[in-house]
Amino acid sequence: MGSGDMLEVAHMGLHVAQMTSQKGIRQCFDAVKVNAAKVMHLENYCIAPGCDASFMLLQARDAVEAIRLRANRLKVWMKGVLLAETAEVVARLRIEGRSEAVALSLL
């Protein structure tokens, strides 16, 4: 079942485990980002010189927003090679007296 998307796993997991506090959401993000790599004994899994440069660029301000909004995956790299990219999502409000564009940050 599911899409194999670890942010989706974190989103579902935090609801099932009732970890909906800010701290709990950050822990769920770390569970699928940092701790998953540790459990799999992946070496050089980070963004630093000498690492294999496999990562995603998310359209979110922080880990909480990434899970809460199911952040758009802007770019995906594997071993330094860009595999996929998606256009930035731009939300527009239509409320009198408010700015129309709503910027979403990058994480």
PDB file of N, CA and C in Angstrom:
ATOM      1  N   MET A   1       0.828  -1.193   0.000  1.00  0.00           N
ATOM      2  CA  MET A   1       0.000   0.000   0.000  1.00  0.00           C
ATOM      3  C   MET A   1       0.862   1.242   0.000  1.00  0.00           C
ATOM      4  N   GLY A   2       0.335   2.284  -0.555  1.00  0.00           N
ATOM      5  CA  GLY A   2       1.041   3.547  -0.496  1.00  0.00           C
ATOM      6  C   GLY A   2       1.917   3.795  -1.701  1.00  0.00           C
ATOM      7  N   SER A   3       2.628   4.917  -1.635  1.00  0.00           N
ATOM      8  CA  SER A   3       3.430   5.361  -2.763  1.00  0.00           C
ATOM      9  C   SER A   3       4.928   5.163  -2.566  1.00  0.00           C
ATOM     10  N   GLY A   4       5.330   4.718  -1.381  1.00  0.00           N
ATOM     11  CA  GLY A   4       6.756   4.606  -1.082  1.00  0.00           C
ATOM     12  C   GLY A   4       7.362   5.963  -0.751  1.00  0.00           C
ATOM     13  N   ASP A   5       6.544   6.962  -0.590  1.00  0.00           N
ATOM     14  CA  ASP A   5       6.984   8.324  -0.292  1.00  0.00           C
ATOM     15  C   ASP A   5       7.137   8.464   1.221  1.00  0.00           C
ATOM     16  N   MET A   6       8.359   8.723   1.667  1.00  0.00           N
ATOM     17  CA  MET A   6       8.626   8.753   3.103  1.00  0.00           C
ATOM     18  C   MET A   6       7.958   9.946   3.802  1.00  0.00           C
ATOM     19  N   LEU A   7       7.728  11.044   3.119  1.00  0.00           N
ATOM     20  CA  LEU A   7       6.977  12.140   3.751  1.00  0.00           C
ATOM     21  C   LEU A   7       5.524  11.732   3.979  1.00  0.00           C
ATOM     22  N   GLU A   8       4.986  10.953   3.078  1.00  0.00           N
ATOM     23  CA  GLU A   8       3.630  10.423   3.254  1.00  0.00           C
ATOM     24  C   GLU A   8       3.593   9.466   4.449  1.00  0.00           C
ATOM     25  N   VAL A   9       4.622   8.640   4.581  1.00  0.00           N
ATOM     26  CA  VAL A   9       4.732   7.729   5.725  1.00  0.00           C
ATOM     27  C   VAL A   9       4.764   8.529   7.027  1.00  0.00           C
ATOM     28  N   ALA A  10       5.568   9.596   7.058  1.00  0.00           N
ATOM     29  CA  ALA A  10       5.662  10.433   8.258  1.00  0.00           C
ATOM     30  C   ALA A  10       4.317  11.092   8.560  1.00  0.00           C
ATOM     31  N   HIS A  11       3.638  11.593   7.542  1.00  0.00           N
ATOM     32  CA  HIS A  11       2.338  12.248   7.723  1.00  0.00           C
ATOM     33  C   HIS A  11       1.328  11.283   8.337  1.00  0.00           C
ATOM     34  N   MET A  12       1.260  10.073   7.792  1.00  0.00           N
ATOM     35  CA  MET A  12       0.334   9.076   8.307  1.00  0.00           C
ATOM     36  C   MET A  12       0.759   8.612   9.699  1.00  0.00           C
ATOM     37  N   GLY A  13       2.059   8.388   9.865  1.00  0.00           N
ATOM     38  CA  GLY A  13       2.569   7.891  11.146  1.00  0.00           C
ATOM     39  C   GLY A  13       2.326   8.837  12.301  1.00  0.00           C
ATOM     40  N   LEU A  14       2.486  10.122  12.076  1.00  0.00           N
ATOM     41  CA  LEU A  14       2.294  11.050  13.186  1.00  0.00           C
ATOM     42  C   LEU A  14       0.838  11.103  13.624  1.00  0.00           C
ATOM     43  N   HIS A  15      -0.090  10.865  12.699  1.00  0.00           N
ATOM     44  CA  HIS A  15      -1.493  10.803  13.096  1.00  0.00           C
ATOM     45  C   HIS A  15      -1.795   9.507  13.856  1.00  0.00           C
ATOM     46  N   VAL A  16      -1.301   8.399  13.357  1.00  0.00           N
ATOM     47  CA  VAL A  16      -1.542   7.108  14.008  1.00  0.00           C
ATOM     48  C   VAL A  16      -0.936   7.084  15.408  1.00  0.00           C
ATOM     49  N   ALA A  17       0.256   7.627  15.552  1.00  0.00           N
ATOM     50  CA  ALA A  17       0.956   7.622  16.840  1.00  0.00           C
ATOM     51  C   ALA A  17       0.569   8.817  17.713  1.00  0.00           C
ATOM     52  N   GLN A  18      -0.339   9.647  17.225  1.00  0.00           N
ATOM     53  CA  GLN A  18      -0.774  10.845  17.949  1.00  0.00           C
ATOM     54  C   GLN A  18       0.406  11.727  18.337  1.00  0.00           C
ATOM     55  N   MET A  19       1.295  11.948  17.364  1.00  0.00           N
ATOM     56  CA  MET A  19       2.487  12.781  17.561  1.00  0.00           C
ATOM     57  C   MET A  19       2.313  14.105  16.829  1.00  0.00           C
ATOM     58  N   THR A  20       1.199  14.784  17.072  1.00  0.00           N
ATOM     59  CA  THR A  20       0.889  15.987  16.306  1.00  0.00           C
ATOM     60  C   THR A  20       1.413  17.283  16.931  1.00  0.00           C
ATOM     61  N   SER A  21       2.212  17.181  17.964  1.00  0.00           N
ATOM     62  CA  SER A  21       2.863  18.381  18.500  1.00  0.00           C
ATOM     63  C   SER A  21       3.989  18.789  17.557  1.00  0.00           C
ATOM     64  N   GLN A  22       4.478  20.021  17.693  1.00  0.00           N
ATOM     65  CA  GLN A  22       5.603  20.477  16.870  1.00  0.00           C
ATOM     66  C   GLN A  22       6.796  19.536  17.048  1.00  0.00           C
ATOM     67  N   LYS A  23       7.084  19.164  18.293  1.00  0.00           N
ATOM     68  CA  LYS A  23       8.201  18.261  18.572  1.00  0.00           C
ATOM     69  C   LYS A  23       7.970  16.892  17.925  1.00  0.00           C
ATOM     70  N   GLY A  24       6.758  16.370  18.042  1.00  0.00           N
ATOM     71  CA  GLY A  24       6.439  15.072  17.461  1.00  0.00           C
ATOM     72  C   GLY A  24       6.571  15.066  15.946  1.00  0.00           C
ATOM     73  N   ILE A  25       6.134  16.155  15.317  1.00  0.00           N
ATOM     74  CA  ILE A  25       6.234  16.248  13.859  1.00  0.00           C
ATOM     75  C   ILE A  25       7.699  16.264  13.430  1.00  0.00           C
ATOM     76  N   ARG A  26       8.531  17.013  14.154  1.00  0.00           N
ATOM     77  CA  ARG A  26       9.967  17.033  13.831  1.00  0.00           C
ATOM     78  C   ARG A  26      10.591  15.653  14.020  1.00  0.00           C
ATOM     79  N   GLN A  27      10.165  14.925  15.048  1.00  0.00           N
ATOM     80  CA  GLN A  27      10.678  13.576  15.280  1.00  0.00           C
ATOM     81  C   GLN A  27      10.273  12.634  14.148  1.00  0.00           C
ATOM     82  N   CYS A  28       9.050  12.780  13.646  1.00  0.00           N
ATOM     83  CA  CYS A  28       8.608  11.960  12.516  1.00  0.00           C
ATOM     84  C   CYS A  28       9.426  12.277  11.269  1.00  0.00           C
ATOM     85  N   PHE A  29       9.726  13.557  11.054  1.00  0.00           N
ATOM     86  CA  PHE A  29      10.542  13.950   9.910  1.00  0.00           C
ATOM     87  C   PHE A  29      11.927  13.309  10.024  1.00  0.00           C
ATOM     88  N   ASP A  30      12.535  13.387  11.212  1.00  0.00           N
ATOM     89  CA  ASP A  30      13.847  12.769  11.414  1.00  0.00           C
ATOM     90  C   ASP A  30      13.786  11.253  11.253  1.00  0.00           C
ATOM     91  N   ALA A  31      12.666  10.652  11.642  1.00  0.00           N
ATOM     92  CA  ALA A  31      12.527   9.199  11.520  1.00  0.00           C
ATOM     93  C   ALA A  31      12.634   8.749  10.070  1.00  0.00           C
ATOM     94  N   VAL A  32      12.068   9.518   9.153  1.00  0.00           N
ATOM     95  CA  VAL A  32      12.103   9.113   7.749  1.00  0.00           C
ATOM     96  C   VAL A  32      13.286   9.704   6.993  1.00  0.00           C
ATOM     97  N   LYS A  33      13.936  10.687   7.566  1.00  0.00           N
ATOM     98  CA  LYS A  33      15.060  11.331   6.880  1.00  0.00           C
ATOM     99  C   LYS A  33      16.393  10.816   7.415  1.00  0.00           C
ATOM    100  N   VAL A  34      16.652  11.056   8.662  1.00  0.00           N
ATOM    101  CA  VAL A  34      17.955  10.735   9.261  1.00  0.00           C
ATOM    102  C   VAL A  34      18.009   9.297   9.759  1.00  0.00           C
ATOM    103  N   ASN A  35      17.036   8.923  10.555  1.00  0.00           N
ATOM    104  CA  ASN A  35      17.076   7.605  11.193  1.00  0.00           C
ATOM    105  C   ASN A  35      16.917   6.456  10.203  1.00  0.00           C
ATOM    106  N   ALA A  36      16.176   6.673   9.131  1.00  0.00           N
ATOM    107  CA  ALA A  36      16.031   5.620   8.121  1.00  0.00           C
ATOM    108  C   ALA A  36      17.386   5.291   7.498  1.00  0.00           C
ATOM    109  N   ALA A  37      18.180   6.301   7.231  1.00  0.00           N
ATOM    110  CA  ALA A  37      19.521   6.081   6.667  1.00  0.00           C
ATOM    111  C   ALA A  37      20.411   5.347   7.660  1.00  0.00           C
ATOM    112  N   LYS A  38      20.282   5.683   8.933  1.00  0.00           N
ATOM    113  CA  LYS A  38      21.080   5.004   9.965  1.00  0.00           C
ATOM    114  C   LYS A  38      20.710   3.533  10.061  1.00  0.00           C
ATOM    115  N   VAL A  39      19.415   3.235  10.052  1.00  0.00           N
ATOM    116  CA  VAL A  39      18.944   1.849  10.152  1.00  0.00           C
ATOM    117  C   VAL A  39      19.437   1.030   8.967  1.00  0.00           C
ATOM    118  N   MET A  40      19.504   1.659   7.796  1.00  0.00           N
ATOM    119  CA  MET A  40      19.955   0.962   6.589  1.00  0.00           C
ATOM    120  C   MET A  40      21.471   0.964   6.451  1.00  0.00           C
ATOM    121  N   HIS A  41      22.170   1.522   7.432  1.00  0.00           N
ATOM    122  CA  HIS A  41      23.634   1.593   7.434  1.00  0.00           C
ATOM    123  C   HIS A  41      24.187   2.240   6.169  1.00  0.00           C
ATOM    124  N   LEU A  42      23.512   3.309   5.723  1.00  0.00           N
ATOM    125  CA  LEU A  42      23.991   4.036   4.553  1.00  0.00           C
ATOM    126  C   LEU A  42      25.171   4.910   4.961  1.00  0.00           C
ATOM    127  N   GLU A  43      26.248   4.783   4.252  1.00  0.00           N
ATOM    128  CA  GLU A  43      27.417   5.603   4.531  1.00  0.00           C
ATOM    129  C   GLU A  43      27.380   6.851   3.661  1.00  0.00           C
ATOM    130  N   ASN A  44      27.984   7.913   4.148  1.00  0.00           N
ATOM    131  CA  ASN A  44      28.047   9.174   3.414  1.00  0.00           C
ATOM    132  C   ASN A  44      26.668   9.722   3.085  1.00  0.00           C
ATOM    133  N   TYR A  45      25.714   9.503   3.993  1.00  0.00           N
ATOM    134  CA  TYR A  45      24.366  10.004   3.780  1.00  0.00           C
ATOM    135  C   TYR A  45      24.206  11.336   4.502  1.00  0.00           C
ATOM    136  N   CYS A  46      24.521  12.400   3.817  1.00  0.00           N
ATOM    137  CA  CYS A  46      24.350  13.757   4.328  1.00  0.00           C
ATOM    138  C   CYS A  46      24.716  14.712   3.206  1.00  0.00           C
ATOM    139  N   ILE A  47      24.552  15.988   3.469  1.00  0.00           N
ATOM    140  CA  ILE A  47      24.973  16.977   2.481  1.00  0.00           C
ATOM    141  C   ILE A  47      26.249  17.609   3.022  1.00  0.00           C
ATOM    142  N   ALA A  48      27.356  17.095   2.555  1.00  0.00           N
ATOM    143  CA  ALA A  48      28.675  17.567   2.970  1.00  0.00           C
ATOM    144  C   ALA A  48      29.687  17.058   1.948  1.00  0.00           C
ATOM    145  N   PRO A  49      30.849  17.686   1.877  1.00  0.00           N
ATOM    146  CA  PRO A  49      31.880  17.200   0.958  1.00  0.00           C
ATOM    147  C   PRO A  49      32.180  15.714   1.210  1.00  0.00           C
ATOM    148  N   GLY A  50      32.261  14.953   0.128  1.00  0.00           N
ATOM    149  CA  GLY A  50      32.557  13.528   0.230  1.00  0.00           C
ATOM    150  C   GLY A  50      31.339  12.638   0.312  1.00  0.00           C
ATOM    151  N   CYS A  51      30.166  13.217   0.518  1.00  0.00           N
ATOM    152  CA  CYS A  51      28.940  12.422   0.572  1.00  0.00           C
ATOM    153  C   CYS A  51      28.409  12.201  -0.842  1.00  0.00           C
ATOM    154  N   ASP A  52      27.432  11.297  -0.983  1.00  0.00           N
ATOM    155  CA  ASP A  52      27.020  10.923  -2.343  1.00  0.00           C
ATOM    156  C   ASP A  52      26.004  11.860  -2.996  1.00  0.00           C
ATOM    157  N   ALA A  53      25.578  12.920  -2.329  1.00  0.00           N
ATOM    158  CA  ALA A  53      24.703  13.943  -2.914  1.00  0.00           C
ATOM    159  C   ALA A  53      23.387  13.378  -3.443  1.00  0.00           C
ATOM    160  N   SER A  54      22.717  12.584  -2.611  1.00  0.00           N
ATOM    161  CA  SER A  54      21.370  12.109  -2.919  1.00  0.00           C
ATOM    162  C   SER A  54      20.417  12.831  -1.973  1.00  0.00           C
ATOM    163  N   PHE A  55      19.538  13.678  -2.530  1.00  0.00           N
ATOM    164  CA  PHE A  55      18.641  14.447  -1.676  1.00  0.00           C
ATOM    165  C   PHE A  55      17.503  15.043  -2.490  1.00  0.00           C
ATOM    166  N   MET A  56      16.500  15.578  -1.770  1.00  0.00           N
ATOM    167  CA  MET A  56      15.366  16.266  -2.378  1.00  0.00           C
ATOM    168  C   MET A  56      15.351  17.709  -1.908  1.00  0.00           C
ATOM    169  N   LEU A  57      14.947  18.600  -2.777  1.00  0.00           N
ATOM    170  CA  LEU A  57      14.700  19.988  -2.425  1.00  0.00           C
ATOM    171  C   LEU A  57      13.191  20.126  -2.280  1.00  0.00           C
ATOM    172  N   LEU A  58      12.740  20.440  -1.071  1.00  0.00           N
ATOM    173  CA  LEU A  58      11.313  20.539  -0.789  1.00  0.00           C
ATOM    174  C   LEU A  58      10.872  21.991  -0.749  1.00  0.00           C
ATOM    175  N   GLN A  59       9.654  22.239  -1.150  1.00  0.00           N
ATOM    176  CA  GLN A  59       9.086  23.578  -1.079  1.00  0.00           C
ATOM    177  C   GLN A  59       8.370  23.704   0.269  1.00  0.00           C
ATOM    178  N   ALA A  60       9.165  24.011   1.314  1.00  0.00           N
ATOM    179  CA  ALA A  60       8.643  24.151   2.672  1.00  0.00           C
ATOM    180  C   ALA A  60       9.621  24.963   3.502  1.00  0.00           C
ATOM    181  N   ARG A  61       9.112  25.649   4.524  1.00  0.00           N
ATOM    182  CA  ARG A  61       9.978  26.453   5.384  1.00  0.00           C
ATOM    183  C   ARG A  61      10.745  25.612   6.384  1.00  0.00           C
ATOM    184  N   ASP A  62      10.151  24.501   6.809  1.00  0.00           N
ATOM    185  CA  ASP A  62      10.783  23.674   7.825  1.00  0.00           C
ATOM    186  C   ASP A  62      10.188  22.277   7.771  1.00  0.00           C
ATOM    187  N   ALA A  63      10.660  21.410   8.662  1.00  0.00           N
ATOM    188  CA  ALA A  63      10.203  20.017   8.679  1.00  0.00           C
ATOM    189  C   ALA A  63       8.710  19.917   8.969  1.00  0.00           C
ATOM    190  N   VAL A  64       8.221  20.753   9.865  1.00  0.00           N
ATOM    191  CA  VAL A  64       6.797  20.726  10.213  1.00  0.00           C
ATOM    192  C   VAL A  64       5.956  21.058   8.986  1.00  0.00           C
ATOM    193  N   GLU A  65       6.320  22.117   8.285  1.00  0.00           N
ATOM    194  CA  GLU A  65       5.580  22.507   7.090  1.00  0.00           C
ATOM    195  C   GLU A  65       5.702  21.448   5.995  1.00  0.00           C
ATOM    196  N   ALA A  66       6.857  20.823   5.877  1.00  0.00           N
ATOM    197  CA  ALA A  66       7.065  19.791   4.852  1.00  0.00           C
ATOM    198  C   ALA A  66       6.073  18.647   5.016  1.00  0.00           C
ATOM    199  N   ILE A  67       5.869  18.218   6.258  1.00  0.00           N
ATOM    200  CA  ILE A  67       4.934  17.118   6.504  1.00  0.00           C
ATOM    201  C   ILE A  67       3.491  17.616   6.474  1.00  0.00           C
ATOM    202  N   ARG A  68       3.232  18.728   7.136  1.00  0.00           N
ATOM    203  CA  ARG A  68       1.868  19.244   7.254  1.00  0.00           C
ATOM    204  C   ARG A  68       1.256  19.528   5.886  1.00  0.00           C
ATOM    205  N   LEU A  69       2.044  20.148   4.993  1.00  0.00           N
ATOM    206  CA  LEU A  69       1.535  20.514   3.670  1.00  0.00           C
ATOM    207  C   LEU A  69       1.832  19.477   2.596  1.00  0.00           C
ATOM    208  N   ARG A  70       2.501  18.378   3.001  1.00  0.00           N
ATOM    209  CA  ARG A  70       2.930  17.380   2.018  1.00  0.00           C
ATOM    210  C   ARG A  70       3.683  18.097   0.895  1.00  0.00           C
ATOM    211  N   ALA A  71       4.799  18.670   1.278  1.00  0.00           N
ATOM    212  CA  ALA A  71       5.559  19.599   0.444  1.00  0.00           C
ATOM    213  C   ALA A  71       5.816  19.099  -0.974  1.00  0.00           C
ATOM    214  N   ASN A  72       5.746  20.042  -1.882  1.00  0.00           N
ATOM    215  CA  ASN A  72       6.092  19.813  -3.280  1.00  0.00           C
ATOM    216  C   ASN A  72       7.587  19.467  -3.366  1.00  0.00           C
ATOM    217  N   ARG A  73       7.921  18.444  -4.114  1.00  0.00           N
ATOM    218  CA  ARG A  73       9.326  18.067  -4.330  1.00  0.00           C
ATOM    219  C   ARG A  73       9.803  18.831  -5.547  1.00  0.00           C
ATOM    220  N   LEU A  74      10.599  19.871  -5.312  1.00  0.00           N
ATOM    221  CA  LEU A  74      11.040  20.713  -6.419  1.00  0.00           C
ATOM    222  C   LEU A  74      12.095  20.035  -7.272  1.00  0.00           C
ATOM    223  N   LYS A  75      13.066  19.394  -6.615  1.00  0.00           N
ATOM    224  CA  LYS A  75      14.132  18.702  -7.345  1.00  0.00           C
ATOM    225  C   LYS A  75      14.557  17.474  -6.550  1.00  0.00           C
ATOM    226  N   VAL A  76      14.961  16.451  -7.297  1.00  0.00           N
ATOM    227  CA  VAL A  76      15.451  15.212  -6.681  1.00  0.00           C
ATOM    228  C   VAL A  76      16.776  14.856  -7.339  1.00  0.00           C
ATOM    229  N   TRP A  77      17.805  14.665  -6.504  1.00  0.00           N
ATOM    230  CA  TRP A  77      19.115  14.254  -6.988  1.00  0.00           C
ATOM    231  C   TRP A  77      19.457  12.876  -6.440  1.00  0.00           C
ATOM    232  N   MET A  78      20.127  12.079  -7.243  1.00  0.00           N
ATOM    233  CA  MET A  78      20.672  10.803  -6.779  1.00  0.00           C
ATOM    234  C   MET A  78      22.118  10.741  -7.225  1.00  0.00           C
ATOM    235  N   LYS A  79      22.998  10.631  -6.237  1.00  0.00           N
ATOM    236  CA  LYS A  79      24.442  10.573  -6.469  1.00  0.00           C
ATOM    237  C   LYS A  79      24.908  11.721  -7.373  1.00  0.00           C
ATOM    238  N   GLY A  80      24.382  12.913  -7.072  1.00  0.00           N
ATOM    239  CA  GLY A  80      24.802  14.110  -7.780  1.00  0.00           C
ATOM    240  C   GLY A  80      24.142  14.341  -9.121  1.00  0.00           C
ATOM    241  N   VAL A  81      23.253  13.460  -9.549  1.00  0.00           N
ATOM    242  CA  VAL A  81      22.582  13.595 -10.839  1.00  0.00           C
ATOM    243  C   VAL A  81      21.137  14.019 -10.596  1.00  0.00           C
ATOM    244  N   LEU A  82      20.725  15.110 -11.234  1.00  0.00           N
ATOM    245  CA  LEU A  82      19.351  15.575 -11.120  1.00  0.00           C
ATOM    246  C   LEU A  82      18.435  14.594 -11.843  1.00  0.00           C
ATOM    247  N   LEU A  83      17.523  13.960 -11.086  1.00  0.00           N
ATOM    248  CA  LEU A  83      16.625  12.959 -11.665  1.00  0.00           C
ATOM    249  C   LEU A  83      15.268  13.531 -12.050  1.00  0.00           C
ATOM    250  N   ALA A  84      14.781  14.477 -11.244  1.00  0.00           N
ATOM    251  CA  ALA A  84      13.429  14.989 -11.483  1.00  0.00           C
ATOM    252  C   ALA A  84      13.315  16.407 -10.960  1.00  0.00           C
ATOM    253  N   GLU A  85      12.436  17.165 -11.593  1.00  0.00           N
ATOM    254  CA  GLU A  85      12.139  18.490 -11.079  1.00  0.00           C
ATOM    255  C   GLU A  85      10.687  18.830 -11.372  1.00  0.00           C
ATOM    256  N   THR A  86      10.121  19.638 -10.492  1.00  0.00           N
ATOM    257  CA  THR A  86       8.730  20.060 -10.570  1.00  0.00           C
ATOM    258  C   THR A  86       8.689  21.569 -10.381  1.00  0.00           C
ATOM    259  N   ALA A  87       7.786  22.207 -11.062  1.00  0.00           N
ATOM    260  CA  ALA A  87       7.640  23.657 -10.907  1.00  0.00           C
ATOM    261  C   ALA A  87       7.155  24.011  -9.506  1.00  0.00           C
ATOM    262  N   GLU A  88       7.583  25.177  -9.035  1.00  0.00           N
ATOM    263  CA  GLU A  88       7.148  25.668  -7.730  1.00  0.00           C
ATOM    264  C   GLU A  88       5.640  25.890  -7.741  1.00  0.00           C
ATOM    265  N   VAL A  89       4.986  25.503  -6.650  1.00  0.00           N
ATOM    266  CA  VAL A  89       3.550  25.723  -6.508  1.00  0.00           C
ATOM    267  C   VAL A  89       3.327  27.135  -5.996  1.00  0.00           C
ATOM    268  N   VAL A  90       2.435  27.864  -6.645  1.00  0.00           N
ATOM    269  CA  VAL A  90       2.103  29.221  -6.222  1.00  0.00           C
ATOM    270  C   VAL A  90       0.616  29.258  -5.891  1.00  0.00           C
ATOM    271  N   ALA A  91       0.316  29.547  -4.643  1.00  0.00           N
ATOM    272  CA  ALA A  91      -1.078  29.659  -4.211  1.00  0.00           C
ATOM    273  C   ALA A  91      -1.527  31.111  -4.366  1.00  0.00           C
ATOM    274  N   ARG A  92      -2.783  31.312  -4.700  1.00  0.00           N
ATOM    275  CA  ARG A  92      -3.333  32.655  -4.853  1.00  0.00           C
ATOM    276  C   ARG A  92      -4.590  32.778  -3.989  1.00  0.00           C
ATOM    277  N   LEU A  93      -4.649  33.862  -3.223  1.00  0.00           N
ATOM    278  CA  LEU A  93      -5.819  34.160  -2.399  1.00  0.00           C
ATOM    279  C   LEU A  93      -6.692  35.178  -3.108  1.00  0.00           C
ATOM    280  N   ARG A  94      -7.952  35.099  -2.887  1.00  0.00           N
ATOM    281  CA  ARG A  94      -8.867  36.083  -3.447  1.00  0.00           C
ATOM    282  C   ARG A  94      -9.697  36.654  -2.291  1.00  0.00           C
ATOM    283  N   ILE A  95      -9.005  37.333  -1.391  1.00  0.00           N
ATOM    284  CA  ILE A  95      -9.633  37.948  -0.234  1.00  0.00           C
ATOM    285  C   ILE A  95      -9.391  39.451  -0.313  1.00  0.00           C
ATOM    286  N   GLU A  96     -10.444  40.204  -0.249  1.00  0.00           N
ATOM    287  CA  GLU A  96     -10.347  41.664  -0.363  1.00  0.00           C
ATOM    288  C   GLU A  96      -9.398  42.223   0.698  1.00  0.00           C
ATOM    289  N   GLY A  97      -8.474  43.073   0.238  1.00  0.00           N
ATOM    290  CA  GLY A  97      -7.545  43.720   1.150  1.00  0.00           C
ATOM    291  C   GLY A  97      -6.302  42.912   1.463  1.00  0.00           C
ATOM    292  N   ARG A  98      -6.155  41.725   0.869  1.00  0.00           N
ATOM    293  CA  ARG A  98      -4.990  40.882   1.121  1.00  0.00           C
ATOM    294  C   ARG A  98      -4.206  40.687  -0.173  1.00  0.00           C
ATOM    295  N   SER A  99      -2.916  40.467  -0.022  1.00  0.00           N
ATOM    296  CA  SER A  99      -2.069  40.182  -1.168  1.00  0.00           C
ATOM    297  C   SER A  99      -2.550  38.896  -1.835  1.00  0.00           C
ATOM    298  N   GLU A 100      -2.512  38.871  -3.159  1.00  0.00           N
ATOM    299  CA  GLU A 100      -3.007  37.710  -3.885  1.00  0.00           C
ATOM    300  C   GLU A 100      -2.070  36.523  -3.831  1.00  0.00           C
ATOM    301  N   ALA A 101      -0.758  36.767  -3.974  1.00  0.00           N
ATOM    302  CA  ALA A 101       0.214  35.664  -4.015  1.00  0.00           C
ATOM    303  C   ALA A 101       0.585  35.230  -2.598  1.00  0.00           C
ATOM    304  N   VAL A 102       0.716  33.943  -2.424  1.00  0.00           N
ATOM    305  CA  VAL A 102       1.157  33.383  -1.152  1.00  0.00           C
ATOM    306  C   VAL A 102       2.433  32.605  -1.435  1.00  0.00           C
ATOM    307  N   ALA A 103       3.542  33.081  -0.905  1.00  0.00           N
ATOM    308  CA  ALA A 103       4.827  32.445  -1.160  1.00  0.00           C
ATOM    309  C   ALA A 103       5.014  31.255  -0.231  1.00  0.00           C
ATOM    310  N   LEU A 104       5.474  30.160  -0.785  1.00  0.00           N
ATOM    311  CA  LEU A 104       5.852  28.996   0.006  1.00  0.00           C
ATOM    312  C   LEU A 104       7.371  28.912  -0.037  1.00  0.00           C
ATOM    313  N   SER A 105       7.983  28.710   1.106  1.00  0.00           N
ATOM    314  CA  SER A 105       9.440  28.714   1.208  1.00  0.00           C
ATOM    315  C   SER A 105      10.032  27.390   0.794  1.00  0.00           C
ATOM    316  N   LEU A 106      11.347  27.374   0.630  1.00  0.00           N
ATOM    317  CA  LEU A 106      12.075  26.170   0.266  1.00  0.00           C
ATOM    318  C   LEU A 106      12.770  25.607   1.486  1.00  0.00           C
ATOM    319  N   LEU A 107      12.774  24.283   1.603  1.00  0.00           N
ATOM    320  CA  LEU A 107      13.484  23.604   2.691  1.00  0.00           C
ATOM    321  C   LEU A 107      14.595  22.795   2.099  1.00  0.00           C
TER     322      LEU A 107
END
